[in-house]
Amino acid sequence: MDEELVLIAGDILVHYEINEIGLLMNRFDVLQEPDWPMWAWDILWVGSEAQDAGRRQAYTEEGLMRLIITGVFIHHTSI
C-alpha cells in the first residue's frame, strides 16, 4: 500500500471469504487514558453470518489496519 491508510466513520470493509460487509461506525479509546490512547473501531457487520439486524463488533485500530494491509479485509473509503 503506497499511500497512508486513514480510516473514517462511514468506510466500508469487505471480507470476501465469509461474505461479510462491515461499516465503520465510530472510533473510541478503549483505555480512556489521555497519555496512552488505544484506539478501536465499532463496526456493524452484515452478511452471511449476521443476524437480521446485523451485529456490532469492535476491533483495535492497529489490528484492523493490519487486516486491511494483509488483504484479509478490503477497505473502501467513504470520501
N, C-alpha and C. Protein backbone atom coordinates (compact mmCIF):
# COMPACT_ATOMS: atom_id res chain seq x y z
N MET A 1 0.85 -1.17 0.00
CA MET A 1 0.00 0.00 0.00
C MET A 1 0.89 1.23 0.00
N ASP A 2 0.85 2.00 -1.07
CA ASP A 2 1.74 3.13 -1.22
C ASP A 2 1.31 4.34 -0.40
N GLU A 3 0.04 4.57 -0.29
CA GLU A 3 -0.43 5.74 0.45
C GLU A 3 -0.78 5.34 1.88
N GLU A 4 -0.79 6.35 2.74
CA GLU A 4 -1.10 6.11 4.15
C GLU A 4 -2.57 5.71 4.31
N LEU A 5 -2.80 4.71 5.12
CA LEU A 5 -4.15 4.22 5.38
C LEU A 5 -4.81 5.08 6.43
N VAL A 6 -5.95 5.67 6.08
CA VAL A 6 -6.72 6.51 7.00
C VAL A 6 -8.13 5.93 7.07
N LEU A 7 -8.60 5.69 8.27
CA LEU A 7 -9.95 5.17 8.47
C LEU A 7 -10.84 6.28 8.99
N ILE A 8 -12.07 6.35 8.46
CA ILE A 8 -13.04 7.32 8.95
C ILE A 8 -14.41 6.65 9.05
N ALA A 9 -15.23 7.20 9.92
CA ALA A 9 -16.59 6.68 10.08
C ALA A 9 -17.30 6.73 8.73
N GLY A 10 -17.99 5.64 8.40
CA GLY A 10 -18.68 5.53 7.12
C GLY A 10 -17.94 4.68 6.11
N ASP A 11 -16.66 4.38 6.38
CA ASP A 11 -15.91 3.50 5.48
C ASP A 11 -16.50 2.09 5.51
N ILE A 12 -16.30 1.36 4.43
CA ILE A 12 -16.82 0.00 4.28
C ILE A 12 -15.65 -0.98 4.24
N LEU A 13 -15.83 -2.11 4.93
CA LEU A 13 -14.88 -3.22 4.88
C LEU A 13 -15.59 -4.41 4.25
N VAL A 14 -14.87 -5.15 3.42
CA VAL A 14 -15.43 -6.34 2.81
C VAL A 14 -14.51 -7.52 3.12
N HIS A 15 -15.12 -8.60 3.61
CA HIS A 15 -14.40 -9.85 3.85
C HIS A 15 -15.02 -10.88 2.91
N TYR A 16 -14.38 -11.06 1.74
CA TYR A 16 -14.95 -11.90 0.69
C TYR A 16 -15.02 -13.38 1.07
N GLU A 17 -14.08 -13.85 1.86
CA GLU A 17 -14.05 -15.28 2.21
C GLU A 17 -15.30 -15.73 2.96
N ILE A 18 -15.82 -14.88 3.84
CA ILE A 18 -17.02 -15.28 4.60
C ILE A 18 -18.24 -14.45 4.23
N ASN A 19 -18.13 -13.68 3.12
CA ASN A 19 -19.26 -12.94 2.58
C ASN A 19 -19.86 -11.97 3.60
N GLU A 20 -19.01 -11.13 4.19
CA GLU A 20 -19.43 -10.15 5.20
C GLU A 20 -19.04 -8.75 4.74
N ILE A 21 -19.87 -7.78 5.10
CA ILE A 21 -19.60 -6.37 4.84
C ILE A 21 -19.72 -5.63 6.16
N GLY A 22 -18.74 -4.77 6.45
CA GLY A 22 -18.74 -4.02 7.70
C GLY A 22 -18.73 -2.53 7.46
N LEU A 23 -19.44 -1.80 8.29
CA LEU A 23 -19.48 -0.35 8.25
C LEU A 23 -18.79 0.20 9.49
N LEU A 24 -17.76 1.03 9.30
CA LEU A 24 -17.09 1.66 10.43
C LEU A 24 -18.03 2.68 11.04
N MET A 25 -18.42 2.46 12.29
CA MET A 25 -19.40 3.32 12.95
C MET A 25 -18.74 4.48 13.69
N ASN A 26 -17.87 4.15 14.64
CA ASN A 26 -17.20 5.21 15.39
C ASN A 26 -15.89 4.72 15.98
N ARG A 27 -15.00 5.67 16.19
CA ARG A 27 -13.68 5.40 16.76
C ARG A 27 -13.73 5.79 18.23
N PHE A 28 -13.14 4.95 19.09
CA PHE A 28 -13.14 5.26 20.52
C PHE A 28 -11.86 4.78 21.17
N ASP A 29 -11.56 5.34 22.33
CA ASP A 29 -10.36 4.99 23.09
C ASP A 29 -10.74 3.88 24.08
N VAL A 30 -10.19 2.71 23.89
CA VAL A 30 -10.51 1.56 24.73
C VAL A 30 -10.09 1.80 26.18
N LEU A 31 -8.91 2.38 26.36
CA LEU A 31 -8.37 2.57 27.71
C LEU A 31 -8.83 3.86 28.36
N GLN A 32 -9.31 4.80 27.58
CA GLN A 32 -9.70 6.12 28.08
C GLN A 32 -8.59 6.78 28.89
N GLU A 33 -7.38 6.64 28.39
CA GLU A 33 -6.19 7.24 29.02
C GLU A 33 -5.63 8.31 28.08
N PRO A 34 -5.66 9.58 28.47
CA PRO A 34 -5.18 10.63 27.57
C PRO A 34 -3.70 10.51 27.22
N ASP A 35 -2.88 9.94 28.12
CA ASP A 35 -1.45 9.84 27.86
C ASP A 35 -1.09 8.63 26.99
N TRP A 36 -1.99 7.63 26.92
CA TRP A 36 -1.68 6.43 26.15
C TRP A 36 -2.97 5.86 25.56
N PRO A 37 -3.49 6.51 24.51
CA PRO A 37 -4.75 6.02 23.94
C PRO A 37 -4.57 4.72 23.18
N MET A 38 -5.56 3.86 23.23
CA MET A 38 -5.61 2.66 22.41
C MET A 38 -6.92 2.74 21.62
N TRP A 39 -6.80 3.14 20.36
CA TRP A 39 -7.97 3.38 19.53
C TRP A 39 -8.57 2.09 19.02
N ALA A 40 -9.89 2.08 18.93
CA ALA A 40 -10.63 0.95 18.38
C ALA A 40 -11.78 1.49 17.55
N TRP A 41 -12.32 0.61 16.70
CA TRP A 41 -13.46 0.96 15.86
C TRP A 41 -14.63 0.05 16.15
N ASP A 42 -15.80 0.65 16.26
CA ASP A 42 -17.06 -0.08 16.38
C ASP A 42 -17.53 -0.33 14.95
N ILE A 43 -17.74 -1.61 14.60
CA ILE A 43 -18.10 -1.98 13.23
C ILE A 43 -19.44 -2.71 13.24
N LEU A 44 -20.32 -2.32 12.34
CA LEU A 44 -21.58 -3.01 12.14
C LEU A 44 -21.41 -3.95 10.96
N TRP A 45 -21.53 -5.25 11.20
CA TRP A 45 -21.36 -6.28 10.17
C TRP A 45 -22.70 -6.77 9.68
N VAL A 46 -22.79 -6.98 8.38
CA VAL A 46 -23.96 -7.61 7.77
C VAL A 46 -23.46 -8.63 6.76
N GLY A 47 -24.24 -9.67 6.53
CA GLY A 47 -23.85 -10.69 5.57
C GLY A 47 -24.28 -12.06 6.01
N SER A 48 -23.59 -13.06 5.54
CA SER A 48 -24.00 -14.45 5.75
C SER A 48 -24.04 -14.85 7.22
N GLU A 49 -23.17 -14.31 8.03
CA GLU A 49 -23.10 -14.68 9.45
C GLU A 49 -23.89 -13.74 10.35
N ALA A 50 -24.34 -12.62 9.82
CA ALA A 50 -25.01 -11.60 10.64
C ALA A 50 -26.46 -12.00 10.91
N GLN A 51 -26.95 -11.57 12.05
CA GLN A 51 -28.36 -11.76 12.38
C GLN A 51 -29.20 -10.78 11.58
N ASP A 52 -30.51 -10.82 11.75
CA ASP A 52 -31.42 -9.97 10.98
C ASP A 52 -31.04 -8.49 11.04
N ALA A 53 -30.72 -7.99 12.22
CA ALA A 53 -30.40 -6.56 12.38
C ALA A 53 -28.90 -6.30 12.28
N GLY A 54 -28.11 -7.28 11.91
CA GLY A 54 -26.67 -7.12 11.84
C GLY A 54 -26.04 -7.35 13.20
N ARG A 55 -24.75 -7.19 13.27
CA ARG A 55 -24.07 -7.36 14.56
C ARG A 55 -22.93 -6.37 14.65
N ARG A 56 -22.70 -5.91 15.88
CA ARG A 56 -21.64 -4.93 16.13
C ARG A 56 -20.46 -5.64 16.76
N GLN A 57 -19.27 -5.20 16.38
CA GLN A 57 -18.05 -5.79 16.89
C GLN A 57 -16.97 -4.71 16.90
N ALA A 58 -16.11 -4.75 17.89
CA ALA A 58 -15.02 -3.77 17.98
C ALA A 58 -13.69 -4.41 17.60
N TYR A 59 -12.88 -3.65 16.88
CA TYR A 59 -11.52 -4.05 16.51
C TYR A 59 -10.59 -2.93 16.92
N THR A 60 -9.40 -3.26 17.45
CA THR A 60 -8.43 -2.21 17.68
C THR A 60 -8.02 -1.64 16.33
N GLU A 61 -7.70 -0.37 16.30
CA GLU A 61 -7.32 0.28 15.05
C GLU A 61 -6.07 -0.36 14.45
N GLU A 62 -5.10 -0.67 15.29
CA GLU A 62 -3.87 -1.29 14.79
C GLU A 62 -4.16 -2.65 14.17
N GLY A 63 -4.95 -3.47 14.84
CA GLY A 63 -5.31 -4.78 14.31
C GLY A 63 -6.10 -4.68 13.02
N LEU A 64 -7.02 -3.74 12.97
CA LEU A 64 -7.84 -3.53 11.79
C LEU A 64 -6.98 -3.11 10.60
N MET A 65 -6.04 -2.22 10.83
CA MET A 65 -5.14 -1.78 9.75
C MET A 65 -4.30 -2.94 9.23
N ARG A 66 -3.85 -3.81 10.14
CA ARG A 66 -3.06 -4.97 9.70
C ARG A 66 -3.91 -5.91 8.84
N LEU A 67 -5.18 -6.09 9.21
CA LEU A 67 -6.07 -6.94 8.42
C LEU A 67 -6.31 -6.36 7.03
N ILE A 68 -6.35 -5.03 6.93
CA ILE A 68 -6.52 -4.38 5.64
C ILE A 68 -5.24 -4.49 4.81
N ILE A 69 -4.11 -4.19 5.42
CA ILE A 69 -2.83 -4.23 4.71
C ILE A 69 -2.51 -5.62 4.20
N THR A 70 -2.85 -6.65 4.98
CA THR A 70 -2.55 -8.03 4.57
C THR A 70 -3.59 -8.59 3.61
N GLY A 71 -4.67 -7.83 3.34
CA GLY A 71 -5.65 -8.26 2.36
C GLY A 71 -6.79 -9.10 2.90
N VAL A 72 -6.86 -9.29 4.20
CA VAL A 72 -7.98 -10.03 4.78
C VAL A 72 -9.27 -9.25 4.57
N PHE A 73 -9.22 -7.94 4.84
CA PHE A 73 -10.36 -7.05 4.58
C PHE A 73 -9.99 -6.13 3.42
N ILE A 74 -10.96 -5.85 2.57
CA ILE A 74 -10.80 -4.84 1.52
C ILE A 74 -11.46 -3.57 2.03
N HIS A 75 -10.72 -2.47 2.00
CA HIS A 75 -11.18 -1.19 2.55
C HIS A 75 -11.68 -0.30 1.42
N HIS A 76 -12.90 0.22 1.59
CA HIS A 76 -13.48 1.19 0.66
C HIS A 76 -13.77 2.46 1.45
N THR A 77 -13.08 3.54 1.10
CA THR A 77 -13.26 4.79 1.83
C THR A 77 -14.57 5.46 1.45
N SER A 78 -15.13 6.19 2.40
CA SER A 78 -16.41 6.85 2.16
C SER A 78 -16.24 8.24 1.54
N ILE A 79 -14.99 8.70 1.37
CA ILE A 79 -14.79 10.01 0.75
C ILE A 79 -14.14 9.86 -0.60
